[in-house]
Amino acid sequence: MSTAQALTGLRDRLAPSDRMPLVFLGHGSPMNALEDTAFSRAWSDLGRSLPRPEAILVVSAHWMTRGTTLVDVSALPRTIHDFHGFPDALYQQDYPAPGAPDLAREVATLLASHHGAEDDTWGLDHGAWTILKFLYPDADVPVFQVSIDMSRGLDHQIEVGRALSGLRDRGVLILGSGNVVHNLPAMHPGGKPQDFALEFDTLFAERLAARDLAALTDRGGLGPLLTMAHPTVDHYLPALTIAGASDARDALSFMTDAIDLGSVSMRSFVFHAA
């Protein structure tokens, strides 16, 4: 199937809809899935305000690939407990949402220029299900994940977002999950926000509000601050995907703009059609 055929297939499969929002959530600790926190409460509130989508496409920091952008085509995505050392109750969590195999296959073709390919072995990692359980607690909306290609530059995820943006007009909610600042070695439970975390978080918010995406993908311009905020950029890339799927017609709003554990930004943002 060609990219043009995939676009035709998407138009045939999904009826036109009002333009869906774009959502990026800072997911932070997996314990947010169990605990009553300001973050989990905000996610529940957001879920009640969102329109019901035909399907949800998730770009999570926890599905990393190299040289390809994989799309999960499984019919029943498994709940992945991809963490260690947490309470047993967290490993008992399940999010039994259906997949969207036919749509996911067309998305893989849509991403052909980004080395898109099908995969049926992944499922829903904790970057996805720990927030989906609050957004759509009945697990009754079809959902599938798209991986992040760690072999490419930051601007690649902007391009992926642009390639996916048309799905918004067909009832698909595009959801990014990561953290605007994510430095695990610098974490200090109960500690005050570290200066570098506050600085990068503020810079990101200002540049995003100004729609200066070039600044957010300029490693040279971001310099050592980027490395301090992200020793590895996996948690940063989903935010860029969501930014790339937005355009001048969108209004931007921020939520949960706190630094947790000293070095993890929980800043989340939503693009709504203005």
C-alpha atoms as a PDB file:
ATOM      1  CA  MET A   1       0.000   0.000   0.000  1.00  0.00           C
ATOM      2  CA  SER A   2       1.320   3.448  -0.933  1.00  0.00           C
ATOM      3  CA  THR A   3       1.115   6.541   1.250  1.00  0.00           C
ATOM      4  CA  ALA A   4      -1.586   7.914  -1.077  1.00  0.00           C
ATOM      5  CA  GLN A   5      -3.559   4.697  -0.700  1.00  0.00           C
ATOM      6  CA  ALA A   6      -3.166   4.876   3.069  1.00  0.00           C
ATOM      7  CA  LEU A   7      -4.586   8.412   3.064  1.00  0.00           C
ATOM      8  CA  THR A   8      -7.507   7.239   0.953  1.00  0.00           C
ATOM      9  CA  GLY A   9      -8.021   4.300   3.280  1.00  0.00           C
ATOM     10  CA  LEU A  10      -8.041   6.560   6.313  1.00  0.00           C
ATOM     11  CA  ARG A  11     -10.614   8.845   4.680  1.00  0.00           C
ATOM     12  CA  ASP A  12     -12.782   5.862   3.820  1.00  0.00           C
ATOM     13  CA  ARG A  13     -12.447   4.197   7.221  1.00  0.00           C
ATOM     14  CA  LEU A  14     -12.998   7.226   9.438  1.00  0.00           C
ATOM     15  CA  ALA A  15     -15.707   9.803   8.933  1.00  0.00           C
ATOM     16  CA  PRO A  16     -14.751  13.476   9.035  1.00  0.00           C
ATOM     17  CA  SER A  17     -14.961  14.898  12.542  1.00  0.00           C
ATOM     18  CA  ASP A  18     -14.526  18.121  14.388  1.00  0.00           C
ATOM     19  CA  ARG A  19     -10.814  18.727  14.832  1.00  0.00           C
ATOM     20  CA  MET A  20      -9.629  16.637  17.779  1.00  0.00           C
ATOM     21  CA  PRO A  21      -7.373  18.125  20.453  1.00  0.00           C
ATOM     22  CA  LEU A  22      -3.743  17.178  20.857  1.00  0.00           C
ATOM     23  CA  VAL A  23      -2.635  16.136  24.333  1.00  0.00           C
ATOM     24  CA  PHE A  24       0.779  15.811  25.943  1.00  0.00           C
ATOM     25  CA  LEU A  25       0.886  14.574  29.531  1.00  0.00           C
ATOM     26  CA  GLY A  26       3.891  14.493  31.813  1.00  0.00           C
ATOM     27  CA  HIS A  27       3.416  11.027  33.286  1.00  0.00           C
ATOM     28  CA  GLY A  28       6.137  10.997  35.954  1.00  0.00           C
ATOM     29  CA  SER A  29       6.251   8.117  38.419  1.00  0.00           C
ATOM     30  CA  PRO A  30       4.198   4.968  37.720  1.00  0.00           C
ATOM     31  CA  MET A  31       2.831   5.400  41.238  1.00  0.00           C
ATOM     32  CA  ASN A  32       0.538   8.091  39.871  1.00  0.00           C
ATOM     33  CA  ALA A  33      -1.526   5.170  38.558  1.00  0.00           C
ATOM     34  CA  LEU A  34      -2.269   4.083  42.130  1.00  0.00           C
ATOM     35  CA  GLU A  35      -2.153   7.215  44.221  1.00  0.00           C
ATOM     36  CA  ASP A  36      -4.585  10.096  44.527  1.00  0.00           C
ATOM     37  CA  THR A  37      -2.331  12.920  43.363  1.00  0.00           C
ATOM     38  CA  ALA A  38      -2.799  16.371  41.887  1.00  0.00           C
ATOM     39  CA  PHE A  39      -1.632  14.868  38.614  1.00  0.00           C
ATOM     40  CA  SER A  40      -4.019  11.912  38.498  1.00  0.00           C
ATOM     41  CA  ARG A  41      -6.912  14.185  39.486  1.00  0.00           C
ATOM     42  CA  ALA A  42      -6.008  16.602  36.683  1.00  0.00           C
ATOM     43  CA  TRP A  43      -5.933  13.715  34.187  1.00  0.00           C
ATOM     44  CA  SER A  44      -9.388  12.586  35.289  1.00  0.00           C
ATOM     45  CA  ASP A  45     -10.703  16.128  34.936  1.00  0.00           C
ATOM     46  CA  LEU A  46      -9.161  16.400  31.479  1.00  0.00           C
ATOM     47  CA  GLY A  47     -10.694  13.089  30.427  1.00  0.00           C
ATOM     48  CA  ARG A  48     -14.154  14.352  31.318  1.00  0.00           C
ATOM     49  CA  SER A  49     -13.617  17.412  29.107  1.00  0.00           C
ATOM     50  CA  LEU A  50     -12.238  15.615  26.062  1.00  0.00           C
ATOM     51  CA  PRO A  51     -14.467  14.493  23.198  1.00  0.00           C
ATOM     52  CA  ARG A  52     -14.856  10.762  22.735  1.00  0.00           C
ATOM     53  CA  PRO A  53     -12.462   9.735  19.936  1.00  0.00           C
ATOM     54  CA  GLU A  54     -12.841   7.000  17.363  1.00  0.00           C
ATOM     55  CA  ALA A  55      -9.360   5.825  18.380  1.00  0.00           C
ATOM     56  CA  ILE A  56      -6.345   6.972  20.390  1.00  0.00           C
ATOM     57  CA  LEU A  57      -2.812   7.047  18.994  1.00  0.00           C
ATOM     58  CA  VAL A  58      -0.196   7.146  21.764  1.00  0.00           C
ATOM     59  CA  VAL A  59       3.427   8.221  21.393  1.00  0.00           C
ATOM     60  CA  SER A  60       5.136   7.133  24.616  1.00  0.00           C
ATOM     61  CA  ALA A  61       8.669   7.756  25.856  1.00  0.00           C
ATOM     62  CA  HIS A  62       8.880   4.077  26.757  1.00  0.00           C
ATOM     63  CA  TRP A  63       8.695   2.591  23.258  1.00  0.00           C
ATOM     64  CA  MET A  64      12.066   3.342  21.734  1.00  0.00           C
ATOM     65  CA  THR A  65      13.272   1.948  18.425  1.00  0.00           C
ATOM     66  CA  ARG A  66      16.231   2.659  16.187  1.00  0.00           C
ATOM     67  CA  GLY A  67      16.017   3.151  12.436  1.00  0.00           C
ATOM     68  CA  THR A  68      12.270   2.633  12.251  1.00  0.00           C
ATOM     69  CA  THR A  69       8.962   3.977  13.532  1.00  0.00           C
ATOM     70  CA  LEU A  70       6.889   1.000  14.595  1.00  0.00           C
ATOM     71  CA  VAL A  71       3.102   0.967  14.859  1.00  0.00           C
ATOM     72  CA  ASP A  72       1.389  -1.568  17.105  1.00  0.00           C
ATOM     73  CA  VAL A  73      -1.229  -3.467  15.078  1.00  0.00           C
ATOM     74  CA  SER A  74      -2.276  -5.951  17.784  1.00  0.00           C
ATOM     75  CA  ALA A  75      -6.007  -6.515  18.247  1.00  0.00           C
ATOM     76  CA  LEU A  76      -5.772  -6.689  22.043  1.00  0.00           C
ATOM     77  CA  PRO A  77      -2.738  -4.702  23.226  1.00  0.00           C
ATOM     78  CA  ARG A  78      -1.203  -6.215  26.330  1.00  0.00           C
ATOM     79  CA  THR A  79      -0.644  -4.112  29.460  1.00  0.00           C
ATOM     80  CA  ILE A  80       3.136  -3.861  29.908  1.00  0.00           C
ATOM     81  CA  HIS A  81       4.564  -3.436  33.413  1.00  0.00           C
ATOM     82  CA  ASP A  82       7.909  -2.025  32.309  1.00  0.00           C
ATOM     83  CA  PHE A  83       9.296  -0.937  35.679  1.00  0.00           C
ATOM     84  CA  HIS A  84      10.956  -2.512  38.689  1.00  0.00           C
ATOM     85  CA  GLY A  85      10.805  -2.246  42.464  1.00  0.00           C
ATOM     86  CA  PHE A  86       7.263  -0.972  42.861  1.00  0.00           C
ATOM     87  CA  PRO A  87       4.415  -2.347  45.025  1.00  0.00           C
ATOM     88  CA  ASP A  88       2.698  -5.535  43.873  1.00  0.00           C
ATOM     89  CA  ALA A  89      -0.559  -3.638  43.343  1.00  0.00           C
ATOM     90  CA  LEU A  90       1.008  -1.747  40.464  1.00  0.00           C
ATOM     91  CA  TYR A  91       1.848  -4.983  38.650  1.00  0.00           C
ATOM     92  CA  GLN A  92      -1.785  -6.072  38.976  1.00  0.00           C
ATOM     93  CA  GLN A  93      -3.016  -3.071  37.034  1.00  0.00           C
ATOM     94  CA  ASP A  94      -4.607  -3.866  33.682  1.00  0.00           C
ATOM     95  CA  TYR A  95      -5.948  -1.650  30.910  1.00  0.00           C
ATOM     96  CA  PRO A  96      -7.846  -4.021  28.571  1.00  0.00           C
ATOM     97  CA  ALA A  97      -8.658  -1.605  25.761  1.00  0.00           C
ATOM     98  CA  PRO A  98      -9.047  -2.976  22.244  1.00  0.00           C
ATOM     99  CA  GLY A  99      -6.514  -2.186  19.565  1.00  0.00           C
ATOM    100  CA  ALA A 100      -7.213  -0.689  16.157  1.00  0.00           C
ATOM    101  CA  PRO A 101      -5.351  -3.069  13.801  1.00  0.00           C
ATOM    102  CA  ASP A 102      -6.713  -1.839  10.466  1.00  0.00           C
ATOM    103  CA  LEU A 103      -6.230   1.809  11.313  1.00  0.00           C
ATOM    104  CA  ALA A 104      -2.779   1.115  12.756  1.00  0.00           C
ATOM    105  CA  ARG A 105      -1.696  -0.619   9.533  1.00  0.00           C
ATOM    106  CA  GLU A 106      -2.732   2.413   7.515  1.00  0.00           C
ATOM    107  CA  VAL A 107      -0.820   4.661   9.919  1.00  0.00           C
ATOM    108  CA  ALA A 108       2.281   2.506   9.412  1.00  0.00           C
ATOM    109  CA  THR A 109       1.968   3.137   5.682  1.00  0.00           C
ATOM    110  CA  LEU A 110       1.298   6.826   6.276  1.00  0.00           C
ATOM    111  CA  LEU A 111       4.670   6.915   8.064  1.00  0.00           C
ATOM    112  CA  ALA A 112       6.512   5.108   5.261  1.00  0.00           C
ATOM    113  CA  SER A 113       8.844   8.072   4.714  1.00  0.00           C
ATOM    114  CA  HIS A 114       9.751   7.800   8.410  1.00  0.00           C
ATOM    115  CA  HIS A 115      10.523   4.082   8.059  1.00  0.00           C
ATOM    116  CA  GLY A 116       7.108   3.133   9.388  1.00  0.00           C
ATOM    117  CA  ALA A 117       6.505  -0.575   9.956  1.00  0.00           C
ATOM    118  CA  GLU A 118       3.956  -2.810  11.634  1.00  0.00           C
ATOM    119  CA  ASP A 119       4.534  -4.546  14.965  1.00  0.00           C
ATOM    120  CA  ASP A 120       2.286  -6.920  16.900  1.00  0.00           C
ATOM    121  CA  THR A 121       4.489  -7.598  19.934  1.00  0.00           C
ATOM    122  CA  TRP A 122       4.318  -4.382  21.927  1.00  0.00           C
ATOM    123  CA  GLY A 123       1.040  -3.302  23.516  1.00  0.00           C
ATOM    124  CA  LEU A 124       0.561  -0.492  26.044  1.00  0.00           C
ATOM    125  CA  ASP A 125       3.574   0.435  28.154  1.00  0.00           C
ATOM    126  CA  HIS A 126       3.301   2.380  31.387  1.00  0.00           C
ATOM    127  CA  GLY A 127       3.705   5.667  29.566  1.00  0.00           C
ATOM    128  CA  ALA A 128       0.342   4.879  27.979  1.00  0.00           C
ATOM    129  CA  TRP A 129      -1.861   2.945  30.390  1.00  0.00           C
ATOM    130  CA  THR A 130      -0.996   4.839  33.593  1.00  0.00           C
ATOM    131  CA  ILE A 131      -2.601   7.941  32.091  1.00  0.00           C
ATOM    132  CA  LEU A 132      -5.245   6.337  29.871  1.00  0.00           C
ATOM    133  CA  LYS A 133      -6.840   4.763  32.942  1.00  0.00           C
ATOM    134  CA  PHE A 134      -7.709   8.291  34.090  1.00  0.00           C
ATOM    135  CA  LEU A 135      -8.602   9.769  30.698  1.00  0.00           C
ATOM    136  CA  TYR A 136     -10.862   6.903  29.596  1.00  0.00           C
ATOM    137  CA  PRO A 137     -11.330   4.675  32.653  1.00  0.00           C
ATOM    138  CA  ASP A 138     -13.706   2.243  30.944  1.00  0.00           C
ATOM    139  CA  ALA A 139     -10.938   1.174  28.515  1.00  0.00           C
ATOM    140  CA  ASP A 140     -13.526   1.122  25.738  1.00  0.00           C
ATOM    141  CA  VAL A 141     -11.796   3.325  23.136  1.00  0.00           C
ATOM    142  CA  PRO A 142      -9.498   1.555  20.630  1.00  0.00           C
ATOM    143  CA  VAL A 143      -5.878   2.496  21.258  1.00  0.00           C
ATOM    144  CA  PHE A 144      -2.488   1.790  19.682  1.00  0.00           C
ATOM    145  CA  GLN A 145       1.058   3.039  20.130  1.00  0.00           C
ATOM    146  CA  VAL A 146       3.633   4.466  17.733  1.00  0.00           C
ATOM    147  CA  SER A 147       7.323   4.199  18.672  1.00  0.00           C
ATOM    148  CA  ILE A 148       9.958   6.932  18.761  1.00  0.00           C
ATOM    149  CA  ASP A 149      13.026   6.492  16.552  1.00  0.00           C
ATOM    150  CA  MET A 150      16.018   7.234  18.786  1.00  0.00           C
ATOM    151  CA  SER A 151      18.444   7.223  15.849  1.00  0.00           C
ATOM    152  CA  ARG A 152      17.121  10.475  14.402  1.00  0.00           C
ATOM    153  CA  GLY A 153      17.438  14.142  15.337  1.00  0.00           C
ATOM    154  CA  LEU A 154      14.968  16.087  17.436  1.00  0.00           C
ATOM    155  CA  ASP A 155      13.319  17.609  14.381  1.00  0.00           C
ATOM    156  CA  HIS A 156      12.377  14.122  13.166  1.00  0.00           C
ATOM    157  CA  GLN A 157       9.622  13.920  15.788  1.00  0.00           C
ATOM    158  CA  ILE A 158       8.254  17.267  14.636  1.00  0.00           C
ATOM    159  CA  GLU A 159       8.004  15.755  11.152  1.00  0.00           C
ATOM    160  CA  VAL A 160       6.297  12.635  12.501  1.00  0.00           C
ATOM    161  CA  GLY A 161       3.748  14.850  14.229  1.00  0.00           C
ATOM    162  CA  ARG A 162       3.061  16.709  10.988  1.00  0.00           C
ATOM    163  CA  ALA A 163       2.578  13.413   9.149  1.00  0.00           C
ATOM    164  CA  LEU A 164       0.021  12.327  11.754  1.00  0.00           C
ATOM    165  CA  SER A 165      -1.811  15.642  12.052  1.00  0.00           C
ATOM    166  CA  GLY A 166      -4.499  14.812   9.489  1.00  0.00           C
ATOM    167  CA  LEU A 167      -5.802  12.070  11.764  1.00  0.00           C
ATOM    168  CA  ARG A 168      -7.197  14.792  14.016  1.00  0.00           C
ATOM    169  CA  ASP A 169      -9.873  15.545  11.425  1.00  0.00           C
ATOM    170  CA  ARG A 170     -10.933  11.884  11.428  1.00  0.00           C
ATOM    171  CA  GLY A 171     -11.712  11.493  15.114  1.00  0.00           C
ATOM    172  CA  VAL A 172      -8.290  10.277  16.276  1.00  0.00           C
ATOM    173  CA  LEU A 173      -6.900  11.653  19.530  1.00  0.00           C
ATOM    174  CA  ILE A 174      -3.098  11.926  19.370  1.00  0.00           C
ATOM    175  CA  LEU A 175      -1.650  11.573  22.877  1.00  0.00           C
ATOM    176  CA  GLY A 176       1.988  12.112  23.811  1.00  0.00           C
ATOM    177  CA  SER A 177       3.402  10.845  27.100  1.00  0.00           C
ATOM    178  CA  GLY A 178       6.796  11.755  28.516  1.00  0.00           C
ATOM    179  CA  ASN A 179       8.198  14.630  30.574  1.00  0.00           C
ATOM    180  CA  VAL A 180       9.414  18.099  29.587  1.00  0.00           C
ATOM    181  CA  VAL A 181      12.272  17.596  32.083  1.00  0.00           C
ATOM    182  CA  HIS A 182      13.390  14.080  32.998  1.00  0.00           C
ATOM    183  CA  ASN A 183      16.660  13.618  34.850  1.00  0.00           C
ATOM    184  CA  LEU A 184      16.391  10.482  36.989  1.00  0.00           C
ATOM    185  CA  PRO A 185      19.961  10.580  38.413  1.00  0.00           C
ATOM    186  CA  ALA A 186      19.238  14.068  39.779  1.00  0.00           C
ATOM    187  CA  MET A 187      15.957  13.059  41.463  1.00  0.00           C
ATOM    188  CA  HIS A 188      15.600  13.940  45.120  1.00  0.00           C
ATOM    189  CA  PRO A 189      12.273  12.855  46.636  1.00  0.00           C
ATOM    190  CA  GLY A 190      10.870  15.690  48.679  1.00  0.00           C
ATOM    191  CA  GLY A 191      13.508  18.075  47.386  1.00  0.00           C
ATOM    192  CA  LYS A 192      12.824  21.498  45.950  1.00  0.00           C
ATOM    193  CA  PRO A 193      12.842  21.968  42.156  1.00  0.00           C
ATOM    194  CA  GLN A 194      16.379  22.226  40.845  1.00  0.00           C
ATOM    195  CA  ASP A 195      17.406  25.332  38.966  1.00  0.00           C
ATOM    196  CA  PHE A 196      18.150  23.577  35.676  1.00  0.00           C
ATOM    197  CA  ALA A 197      14.715  21.890  35.773  1.00  0.00           C
ATOM    198  CA  LEU A 198      12.920  25.176  36.305  1.00  0.00           C
ATOM    199  CA  GLU A 199      14.983  26.882  33.618  1.00  0.00           C
ATOM    200  CA  PHE A 200      14.377  24.266  30.937  1.00  0.00           C
ATOM    201  CA  ASP A 201      10.703  23.897  31.824  1.00  0.00           C
ATOM    202  CA  THR A 202      10.189  27.649  31.518  1.00  0.00           C
ATOM    203  CA  LEU A 203      12.162  27.849  28.277  1.00  0.00           C
ATOM    204  CA  PHE A 204      10.122  25.015  26.774  1.00  0.00           C
ATOM    205  CA  ALA A 205       6.805  26.614  27.721  1.00  0.00           C
ATOM    206  CA  GLU A 206       7.832  30.008  26.342  1.00  0.00           C
ATOM    207  CA  ARG A 207       9.127  28.631  23.054  1.00  0.00           C
ATOM    208  CA  LEU A 208       6.108  26.369  22.594  1.00  0.00           C
ATOM    209  CA  ALA A 209       3.705  29.243  23.252  1.00  0.00           C
ATOM    210  CA  ALA A 210       5.612  31.284  20.665  1.00  0.00           C
ATOM    211  CA  ARG A 211       5.406  28.336  18.237  1.00  0.00           C
ATOM    212  CA  ASP A 212       9.194  28.476  17.950  1.00  0.00           C
ATOM    213  CA  LEU A 213       9.634  24.780  17.281  1.00  0.00           C
ATOM    214  CA  ALA A 214      13.015  25.353  15.662  1.00  0.00           C
ATOM    215  CA  ALA A 215      14.358  26.533  19.029  1.00  0.00           C
ATOM    216  CA  LEU A 216      12.999  23.404  20.735  1.00  0.00           C
ATOM    217  CA  THR A 217      14.856  21.127  18.306  1.00  0.00           C
ATOM    218  CA  ASP A 218      18.133  23.074  18.163  1.00  0.00           C
ATOM    219  CA  ARG A 219      20.594  21.003  20.190  1.00  0.00           C
ATOM    220  CA  GLY A 220      23.300  23.606  19.745  1.00  0.00           C
ATOM    221  CA  GLY A 221      21.086  26.435  20.896  1.00  0.00           C
ATOM    222  CA  LEU A 222      19.747  24.472  23.849  1.00  0.00           C
ATOM    223  CA  GLY A 223      23.302  23.501  24.733  1.00  0.00           C
ATOM    224  CA  PRO A 224      24.223  21.953  28.106  1.00  0.00           C
ATOM    225  CA  LEU A 225      20.786  22.828  29.503  1.00  0.00           C
ATOM    226  CA  LEU A 226      19.207  20.163  27.292  1.00  0.00           C
ATOM    227  CA  THR A 227      21.660  17.542  28.555  1.00  0.00           C
ATOM    228  CA  MET A 228      20.936  18.473  32.146  1.00  0.00           C
ATOM    229  CA  ALA A 229      17.195  18.314  31.568  1.00  0.00           C
ATOM    230  CA  HIS A 230      17.439  15.143  29.494  1.00  0.00           C
ATOM    231  CA  PRO A 231      20.508  12.912  29.895  1.00  0.00           C
ATOM    232  CA  THR A 232      18.655  10.902  27.259  1.00  0.00           C
ATOM    233  CA  VAL A 233      15.944  12.554  25.156  1.00  0.00           C
ATOM    234  CA  ASP A 234      13.373   9.743  25.124  1.00  0.00           C
ATOM    235  CA  HIS A 235      10.987  11.595  27.454  1.00  0.00           C
ATOM    236  CA  TYR A 236      11.364  14.821  25.462  1.00  0.00           C
ATOM    237  CA  LEU A 237      10.541  13.435  22.021  1.00  0.00           C
ATOM    238  CA  PRO A 238       6.792  12.785  22.526  1.00  0.00           C
ATOM    239  CA  ALA A 239       6.331  16.460  23.423  1.00  0.00           C
ATOM    240  CA  LEU A 240       7.887  17.355  20.074  1.00  0.00           C
ATOM    241  CA  THR A 241       5.579  14.951  18.242  1.00  0.00           C
ATOM    242  CA  ILE A 242       2.538  16.671  19.716  1.00  0.00           C
ATOM    243  CA  ALA A 243       3.989  20.107  18.951  1.00  0.00           C
ATOM    244  CA  GLY A 244       4.586  19.033  15.362  1.00  0.00           C
ATOM    245  CA  ALA A 245       0.974  17.947  14.919  1.00  0.00           C
ATOM    246  CA  SER A 246      -0.295  21.399  15.919  1.00  0.00           C
ATOM    247  CA  ASP A 247      -0.712  24.430  13.690  1.00  0.00           C
ATOM    248  CA  ALA A 248      -1.695  28.081  13.782  1.00  0.00           C
ATOM    249  CA  ARG A 249      -5.380  27.193  14.136  1.00  0.00           C
ATOM    250  CA  ASP A 250      -4.785  25.739  17.606  1.00  0.00           C
ATOM    251  CA  ALA A 251      -5.022  27.389  20.997  1.00  0.00           C
ATOM    252  CA  LEU A 252      -2.538  26.174  23.618  1.00  0.00           C
ATOM    253  CA  SER A 253      -3.213  25.588  27.298  1.00  0.00           C
ATOM    254  CA  PHE A 254      -0.912  24.258  30.022  1.00  0.00           C
ATOM    255  CA  MET A 255      -1.706  22.164  33.097  1.00  0.00           C
ATOM    256  CA  THR A 256       0.131  20.488  36.005  1.00  0.00           C
ATOM    257  CA  ASP A 257       3.160  22.754  35.531  1.00  0.00           C
ATOM    258  CA  ALA A 258       5.054  21.473  38.574  1.00  0.00           C
ATOM    259  CA  ILE A 259       8.522  20.003  39.084  1.00  0.00           C
ATOM    260  CA  ASP A 260       8.240  16.673  40.925  1.00  0.00           C
ATOM    261  CA  LEU A 261      11.064  14.888  42.726  1.00  0.00           C
ATOM    262  CA  GLY A 262      13.338  17.861  42.101  1.00  0.00           C
ATOM    263  CA  SER A 263      14.105  17.051  38.470  1.00  0.00           C
ATOM    264  CA  VAL A 264      10.977  15.754  36.702  1.00  0.00           C
ATOM    265  CA  SER A 265       8.658  18.266  35.042  1.00  0.00           C
ATOM    266  CA  MET A 266       5.014  17.258  35.171  1.00  0.00           C
ATOM    267  CA  ARG A 267       4.042  20.034  32.774  1.00  0.00           C
ATOM    268  CA  SER A 268       1.286  18.946  30.418  1.00  0.00           C
ATOM    269  CA  PHE A 269      -0.316  20.792  27.536  1.00  0.00           C
ATOM    270  CA  VAL A 270      -3.285  20.597  25.219  1.00  0.00           C
ATOM    271  CA  PHE A 271      -3.813  22.080  21.769  1.00  0.00           C
ATOM    272  CA  HIS A 272      -7.473  22.803  21.030  1.00  0.00           C
ATOM    273  CA  ALA A 273      -8.918  23.990  17.740  1.00  0.00           C
ATOM    274  CA  ALA A 274      -9.410  27.716  18.236  1.00  0.00           C
END
